[in-house]
Amino acid sequence: MPAWEAIGRMHEALGDEALAAGRTITAGEAFRRAALCFHSGQAAFFADPDEKHRVQLLQRDAYRKAMPYLDPPVTPLEIEFDGIAFPANLRLPRGAGRHPCVILNAGADSTKEEFSTLEEVFLRRGVATVSYDGPGQGPTRRLRPLRPDFEKPVGAIIDRLAARADIDTARIGIWGRSFGGYSAPRSAALEPRIRACISIGGFYDMAEAWPRFPDTTKETIRFAFGAADLDEAARMAQAYTLKGLLGRLTCPFLVVHSGMDDVCPIESSERMRAEAGGPTELALYPEGNHVCDNIAYKVRPLMADWMAARLAD
């Protein structure tokens, strides 16, 4: 983590220098690079929760400095939920009017700032984006642990968007990776305002997948749960399942999975397709690793094109 922090601080200093000289585009790019470096430093680091949180705040603060200078810029939101407020980043495509919007659901140790380049794939296709740190994720973990019923914080986000004149809440989609690949279809099944759903690299049932999880994944989940040890985390995992729910997912549904996924079993994608209650498509990439990060150039355009088409007027 110290090496990543040093690199992040170097990029942040470059951003400060550019901003002082009025070079706002360069500044925004540098601040975003800094945030991504800080993210990489704290990712999958659980030995010292206070140190992890400190670097997460460096990440948050660097990205806040980038927000007004990105294209399109970022609007910070606070989402009231369960007695707390968790942070979200809203970005709108260029042009006036009421835009369709996709809610981006992170993995268990992902953070909203991690999605800044993914957001742009949707934005270029006219779809607004909301990235957020929900319960158990990013700095919000200190306020609330991970929870199985993610349709509830997702519903709070939609409530917040409904108050805006620039978002068309009749055209809300949801996307999720890894843990988000579970929470997105669960939300689409139980939140009727969602019009289209994408799951990439998600699990169908965490307890069934638990034995094959790598040790780092198990520790990630334990930390997000706030469990004392892996045995307690394995017991808590039993609540995280799509069993009996997907028949209620009637909106268009795209499932993306990969043949070399060493975290979530490929069988999960086949069960999602078999049980979904609406029109469902399955895209399998034999060469893909977990969430197809190694072939983002293939899957990101596919997912963005698919979502834009489903949320079109």
Protein backbone atom coordinates (compact mmCIF):
# COMPACT_ATOMS: atom_id res chain seq x y z
CA MET A 1 0.00 0.00 0.00
CA PRO A 2 2.76 2.59 0.68
CA ALA A 3 4.03 2.33 -2.91
CA TRP A 4 0.57 2.92 -4.37
CA GLU A 5 0.01 5.80 -1.97
CA ALA A 6 3.28 7.42 -3.05
CA ILE A 7 2.31 7.14 -6.71
CA GLY A 8 -1.15 8.51 -5.95
CA ARG A 9 0.31 11.50 -4.13
CA MET A 10 2.62 12.15 -7.08
CA HIS A 11 -0.35 12.28 -9.48
CA GLU A 12 -2.32 14.44 -7.07
CA ALA A 13 0.60 16.89 -6.89
CA LEU A 14 0.65 17.04 -10.69
CA GLY A 15 -3.05 17.83 -10.58
CA ASP A 16 -2.56 20.58 -8.02
CA GLU A 17 0.17 22.11 -10.18
CA ALA A 18 -1.99 21.96 -13.32
CA LEU A 19 -4.99 23.44 -11.54
CA ALA A 20 -2.93 26.33 -10.19
CA ALA A 21 -1.88 27.08 -13.77
CA GLY A 22 -5.49 26.97 -15.02
CA ARG A 23 -5.01 23.70 -16.95
CA THR A 24 -8.24 22.17 -15.72
CA ILE A 25 -8.43 19.21 -18.14
CA THR A 26 -4.95 18.08 -17.16
CA ALA A 27 -5.80 18.61 -13.50
CA GLY A 28 -8.93 16.49 -13.71
CA GLU A 29 -7.07 13.68 -15.43
CA ALA A 30 -4.30 13.74 -12.81
CA PHE A 31 -6.72 13.76 -9.87
CA ARG A 32 -8.56 10.79 -11.35
CA ARG A 33 -5.30 8.88 -11.78
CA ALA A 34 -4.47 9.67 -8.15
CA ALA A 35 -7.82 8.32 -6.97
CA LEU A 36 -7.31 5.09 -8.93
CA CYS A 37 -3.84 4.65 -7.43
CA PHE A 38 -5.19 5.12 -3.92
CA HIS A 39 -7.94 2.61 -4.76
CA SER A 40 -5.36 0.06 -5.88
CA GLY A 41 -3.40 0.59 -2.68
CA GLN A 42 -6.30 -0.18 -0.36
CA ALA A 43 -7.95 -2.93 -2.44
CA ALA A 44 -7.88 -6.35 -0.75
CA PHE A 45 -5.94 -4.90 2.22
CA PHE A 46 -7.62 -5.93 5.48
CA ALA A 47 -4.78 -6.26 8.00
CA ASP A 48 -5.37 -2.77 9.39
CA PRO A 49 -8.93 -1.45 8.91
CA ASP A 50 -7.97 2.04 10.07
CA GLU A 51 -5.18 2.22 7.50
CA LYS A 52 -7.48 0.93 4.77
CA HIS A 53 -10.05 3.58 5.68
CA ARG A 54 -7.42 6.32 5.68
CA VAL A 55 -6.37 5.51 2.11
CA GLN A 56 -10.01 5.22 1.04
CA LEU A 57 -10.46 8.80 2.20
CA LEU A 58 -7.42 9.86 0.17
CA GLN A 59 -9.08 8.20 -2.81
CA ARG A 60 -12.38 9.95 -2.14
CA ASP A 61 -10.76 13.37 -1.69
CA ALA A 62 -8.62 13.09 -4.83
CA TYR A 63 -11.65 12.15 -6.88
CA ARG A 64 -13.66 15.02 -5.43
CA LYS A 65 -10.98 17.35 -6.77
CA ALA A 66 -11.41 15.75 -10.21
CA MET A 67 -15.21 15.91 -10.29
CA PRO A 68 -15.78 19.37 -11.84
CA TYR A 69 -13.08 18.88 -14.47
CA LEU A 70 -14.07 15.50 -15.91
CA ASP A 71 -16.10 15.39 -19.11
CA PRO A 72 -18.92 15.12 -18.30
CA PRO A 73 -18.49 16.40 -14.74
CA VAL A 74 -19.56 14.52 -11.62
CA THR A 75 -22.34 15.57 -9.28
CA PRO A 76 -21.97 14.17 -5.73
CA LEU A 77 -25.15 12.87 -4.09
CA GLU A 78 -25.95 11.80 -0.55
CA ILE A 79 -28.44 8.92 -0.36
CA GLU A 80 -30.50 8.80 2.82
CA PHE A 81 -30.94 5.20 3.93
CA ASP A 82 -31.37 3.25 7.16
CA GLY A 83 -30.44 6.17 9.38
CA ILE A 84 -27.27 7.05 7.47
CA ALA A 85 -26.33 8.77 4.23
CA PHE A 86 -24.10 6.94 1.77
CA PRO A 87 -22.29 8.72 -1.11
CA ALA A 88 -23.03 8.40 -4.81
CA ASN A 89 -21.63 9.97 -7.96
CA LEU A 90 -24.04 11.06 -10.70
CA ARG A 91 -22.85 11.82 -14.22
CA LEU A 92 -25.14 13.09 -16.98
CA PRO A 93 -24.57 12.74 -20.71
CA ARG A 94 -24.30 15.91 -22.72
CA GLY A 95 -27.55 17.54 -23.81
CA ALA A 96 -30.69 18.79 -22.15
CA GLY A 97 -33.71 16.75 -21.21
CA ARG A 98 -34.53 13.80 -18.99
CA HIS A 99 -31.96 11.06 -19.38
CA PRO A 100 -32.13 7.31 -18.86
CA CYS A 101 -29.84 6.18 -16.08
CA VAL A 102 -27.96 3.03 -15.09
CA ILE A 103 -27.10 2.29 -11.45
CA LEU A 104 -23.66 0.67 -11.19
CA ASN A 105 -23.41 -1.94 -8.43
CA ALA A 106 -19.91 -2.58 -7.15
CA GLY A 107 -18.21 -5.70 -5.92
CA ALA A 108 -17.71 -6.29 -2.21
CA ASP A 109 -14.37 -4.44 -2.13
CA SER A 110 -14.98 -2.15 -5.10
CA THR A 111 -15.50 1.59 -4.72
CA LYS A 112 -17.47 4.12 -6.72
CA GLU A 113 -14.36 5.96 -7.93
CA GLU A 114 -13.18 2.73 -9.57
CA PHE A 115 -15.97 3.10 -12.14
CA SER A 116 -14.95 6.44 -13.66
CA THR A 117 -13.87 4.94 -17.00
CA LEU A 118 -16.72 2.40 -17.10
CA GLU A 119 -19.19 5.26 -16.65
CA GLU A 120 -17.96 6.91 -19.83
CA VAL A 121 -18.89 3.87 -21.95
CA PHE A 122 -22.54 4.38 -20.95
CA LEU A 123 -22.36 8.18 -21.05
CA ARG A 124 -21.20 8.18 -24.67
CA ARG A 125 -24.37 6.26 -25.50
CA GLY A 126 -26.64 8.81 -23.82
CA VAL A 127 -27.14 6.97 -20.52
CA ALA A 128 -26.53 8.72 -17.18
CA THR A 129 -24.67 6.79 -14.49
CA VAL A 130 -24.81 6.50 -10.71
CA SER A 131 -21.91 4.85 -8.88
CA TYR A 132 -22.11 4.48 -5.12
CA ASP A 133 -20.59 3.04 -1.96
CA GLY A 134 -23.44 1.09 -0.43
CA PRO A 135 -23.55 -0.81 2.87
CA GLY A 136 -20.31 -2.74 3.38
CA GLN A 137 -18.53 -0.94 0.54
CA GLY A 138 -15.83 1.73 0.66
CA PRO A 139 -16.03 4.15 3.59
CA THR A 140 -19.73 3.26 4.07
CA ARG A 141 -18.63 -0.03 5.63
CA ARG A 142 -17.83 1.87 8.83
CA LEU A 143 -21.49 2.87 9.04
CA ARG A 144 -23.24 -0.32 7.87
CA PRO A 145 -21.98 -3.80 6.90
CA LEU A 146 -22.76 -5.65 3.69
CA ARG A 147 -26.34 -6.88 3.51
CA PRO A 148 -28.19 -9.40 1.33
CA ASP A 149 -31.21 -7.19 0.53
CA PHE A 150 -29.45 -4.68 -1.72
CA GLU A 151 -32.73 -3.84 -3.42
CA LYS A 152 -33.37 -1.56 -0.43
CA PRO A 153 -30.39 0.81 -0.87
CA VAL A 154 -30.99 0.62 -4.63
CA GLY A 155 -34.58 1.72 -4.02
CA ALA A 156 -33.28 4.66 -1.97
CA ILE A 157 -31.10 5.69 -4.93
CA ILE A 158 -34.10 5.59 -7.27
CA ASP A 159 -36.09 7.67 -4.77
CA ARG A 160 -33.29 10.25 -4.83
CA LEU A 161 -33.17 10.28 -8.63
CA ALA A 162 -36.95 10.73 -8.81
CA ALA A 163 -36.53 14.19 -7.26
CA ARG A 164 -34.39 15.33 -10.21
CA ALA A 165 -35.77 16.89 -13.39
CA ASP A 166 -32.85 15.58 -15.49
CA ILE A 167 -33.42 11.84 -14.87
CA ASP A 168 -36.24 9.80 -16.41
CA THR A 169 -37.09 7.30 -13.69
CA ALA A 170 -39.24 5.37 -16.16
CA ARG A 171 -35.91 4.39 -17.78
CA ILE A 172 -33.73 3.08 -14.96
CA GLY A 173 -31.32 0.21 -15.53
CA ILE A 174 -28.97 -1.61 -13.19
CA TRP A 175 -25.56 -3.18 -13.76
CA GLY A 176 -23.41 -5.15 -11.34
CA ARG A 177 -20.04 -6.93 -11.17
CA SER A 178 -19.03 -9.80 -8.87
CA PHE A 179 -21.03 -9.16 -5.66
CA GLY A 180 -22.90 -6.62 -7.75
CA GLY A 181 -23.59 -9.43 -10.22
CA TYR A 182 -25.74 -10.89 -7.44
CA SER A 183 -27.19 -7.66 -6.06
CA ALA A 184 -28.18 -6.26 -9.47
CA PRO A 185 -30.51 -9.13 -10.50
CA ARG A 186 -31.83 -9.38 -6.96
CA SER A 187 -32.69 -5.67 -7.10
CA ALA A 188 -34.26 -6.02 -10.55
CA ALA A 189 -36.41 -8.87 -9.26
CA LEU A 190 -37.67 -6.96 -6.22
CA GLU A 191 -37.60 -3.30 -7.34
CA PRO A 192 -40.30 -2.79 -9.99
CA ARG A 193 -38.91 0.55 -11.19
CA ILE A 194 -35.90 -1.14 -12.84
CA ARG A 195 -36.35 -1.57 -16.59
CA ALA A 196 -33.23 -3.55 -17.57
CA CYS A 197 -30.50 -5.49 -15.76
CA ILE A 198 -26.94 -6.67 -16.45
CA SER A 199 -25.00 -9.11 -14.27
CA ILE A 200 -21.32 -9.80 -14.99
CA GLY A 201 -19.36 -12.40 -13.06
CA GLY A 202 -21.95 -12.76 -10.33
CA PHE A 203 -22.83 -15.65 -8.05
CA TYR A 204 -26.25 -17.29 -7.74
CA ASP A 205 -25.81 -18.53 -4.18
CA MET A 206 -22.90 -17.37 -2.03
CA ALA A 207 -22.99 -20.33 0.38
CA GLU A 208 -22.76 -22.78 -2.52
CA ALA A 209 -19.93 -20.78 -4.11
CA TRP A 210 -18.07 -20.28 -0.83
CA PRO A 211 -15.89 -23.45 -0.95
CA ARG A 212 -14.39 -22.44 -4.29
CA PHE A 213 -13.77 -18.81 -3.38
CA PRO A 214 -10.06 -17.94 -3.25
CA ASP A 215 -8.78 -17.07 0.22
CA THR A 216 -8.59 -13.39 -0.71
CA THR A 217 -12.26 -13.41 -1.74
CA LYS A 218 -13.31 -15.07 1.50
CA GLU A 219 -11.38 -12.46 3.47
CA THR A 220 -12.97 -9.69 1.38
CA ILE A 221 -16.43 -10.98 2.23
CA ARG A 222 -15.56 -11.50 5.90
CA PHE A 223 -14.38 -7.90 6.15
CA ALA A 224 -17.47 -6.54 4.37
CA PHE A 225 -19.73 -8.57 6.64
CA GLY A 226 -17.89 -7.45 9.75
CA ALA A 227 -17.60 -11.13 10.72
CA ALA A 228 -15.16 -12.20 13.42
CA ASP A 229 -13.71 -15.04 11.35
CA LEU A 230 -14.23 -17.07 8.19
CA ASP A 231 -16.49 -19.59 9.91
CA GLU A 232 -18.88 -16.84 10.91
CA ALA A 233 -18.67 -15.36 7.43
CA ALA A 234 -19.53 -18.74 5.88
CA ARG A 235 -22.65 -18.92 8.04
CA MET A 236 -23.66 -15.38 7.12
CA ALA A 237 -23.19 -16.20 3.43
CA GLN A 238 -26.28 -18.42 3.53
CA ALA A 239 -28.51 -15.32 3.35
CA TYR A 240 -27.04 -14.26 -0.01
CA THR A 241 -28.98 -16.22 -2.58
CA LEU A 242 -31.17 -15.72 -5.64
CA LYS A 243 -33.16 -18.90 -4.98
CA GLY A 244 -36.87 -18.33 -5.44
CA LEU A 245 -36.42 -14.71 -6.58
CA LEU A 246 -35.52 -14.70 -10.26
CA GLY A 247 -38.99 -15.64 -11.44
CA ARG A 248 -39.91 -12.08 -10.44
CA LEU A 249 -37.18 -10.63 -12.66
CA THR A 250 -39.33 -9.86 -15.71
CA CYS A 251 -37.39 -6.99 -17.29
CA PRO A 252 -34.78 -7.66 -20.02
CA PHE A 253 -31.77 -9.35 -18.44
CA LEU A 254 -28.23 -9.79 -19.79
CA VAL A 255 -25.92 -12.24 -18.03
CA VAL A 256 -22.19 -12.07 -18.83
CA HIS A 257 -19.76 -14.66 -17.54
CA SER A 258 -16.33 -16.05 -18.30
CA GLY A 259 -14.75 -19.45 -18.64
CA MET A 260 -11.68 -18.66 -16.51
CA ASP A 261 -13.55 -17.08 -13.59
CA ASP A 262 -11.83 -18.35 -10.43
CA VAL A 263 -14.26 -16.60 -8.08
CA CYS A 264 -17.88 -17.04 -9.18
CA PRO A 265 -18.79 -20.32 -10.88
CA ILE A 266 -19.92 -20.19 -14.49
CA GLU A 267 -22.84 -22.41 -13.50
CA SER A 268 -24.29 -19.38 -11.71
CA SER A 269 -24.89 -17.65 -15.03
CA GLU A 270 -26.71 -20.67 -16.44
CA ARG A 271 -28.98 -20.86 -13.38
CA MET A 272 -29.74 -17.14 -13.65
CA ARG A 273 -30.75 -17.56 -17.29
CA ALA A 274 -32.84 -20.65 -16.59
CA GLU A 275 -34.81 -19.08 -13.72
CA ALA A 276 -35.28 -15.48 -14.87
CA GLY A 277 -38.90 -14.63 -15.55
CA GLY A 278 -38.34 -12.30 -18.49
CA PRO A 279 -36.35 -12.10 -21.73
CA THR A 280 -32.80 -13.18 -20.87
CA GLU A 281 -29.57 -13.33 -22.86
CA LEU A 282 -26.36 -15.08 -21.86
CA ALA A 283 -22.95 -14.01 -23.18
CA LEU A 284 -20.11 -16.41 -22.29
CA TYR A 285 -16.44 -15.63 -22.93
CA PRO A 286 -14.22 -18.72 -22.54
CA GLU A 287 -11.08 -16.56 -22.40
CA GLY A 288 -12.36 -14.16 -19.77
CA ASN A 289 -11.12 -13.96 -16.18
CA HIS A 290 -13.29 -12.86 -13.24
CA VAL A 291 -15.73 -10.19 -14.48
CA CYS A 292 -13.87 -10.27 -17.83
CA ASP A 293 -11.44 -7.57 -16.72
CA ASN A 294 -8.89 -8.95 -19.18
CA ILE A 295 -11.24 -8.41 -22.13
CA ALA A 296 -12.94 -5.17 -21.12
CA TYR A 297 -12.63 -4.00 -24.73
CA LYS A 298 -15.10 -6.75 -25.69
CA VAL A 299 -17.60 -6.77 -22.86
CA ARG A 300 -17.94 -3.08 -22.07
CA PRO A 301 -19.22 -2.05 -25.54
CA LEU A 302 -21.54 -5.08 -25.56
CA MET A 303 -23.05 -4.17 -22.19
CA ALA A 304 -23.33 -0.45 -22.90
CA ASP A 305 -24.94 -0.98 -26.30
CA TRP A 306 -27.38 -3.49 -24.80
CA MET A 307 -28.35 -1.19 -21.91
CA ALA A 308 -28.72 1.90 -24.12
CA ALA A 309 -31.03 -0.02 -26.44
CA ARG A 310 -33.22 -1.29 -23.58
CA LEU A 311 -33.50 2.19 -22.04
CA ALA A 312 -34.24 3.97 -25.32
CA ASP A 313 -37.48 5.93 -25.66
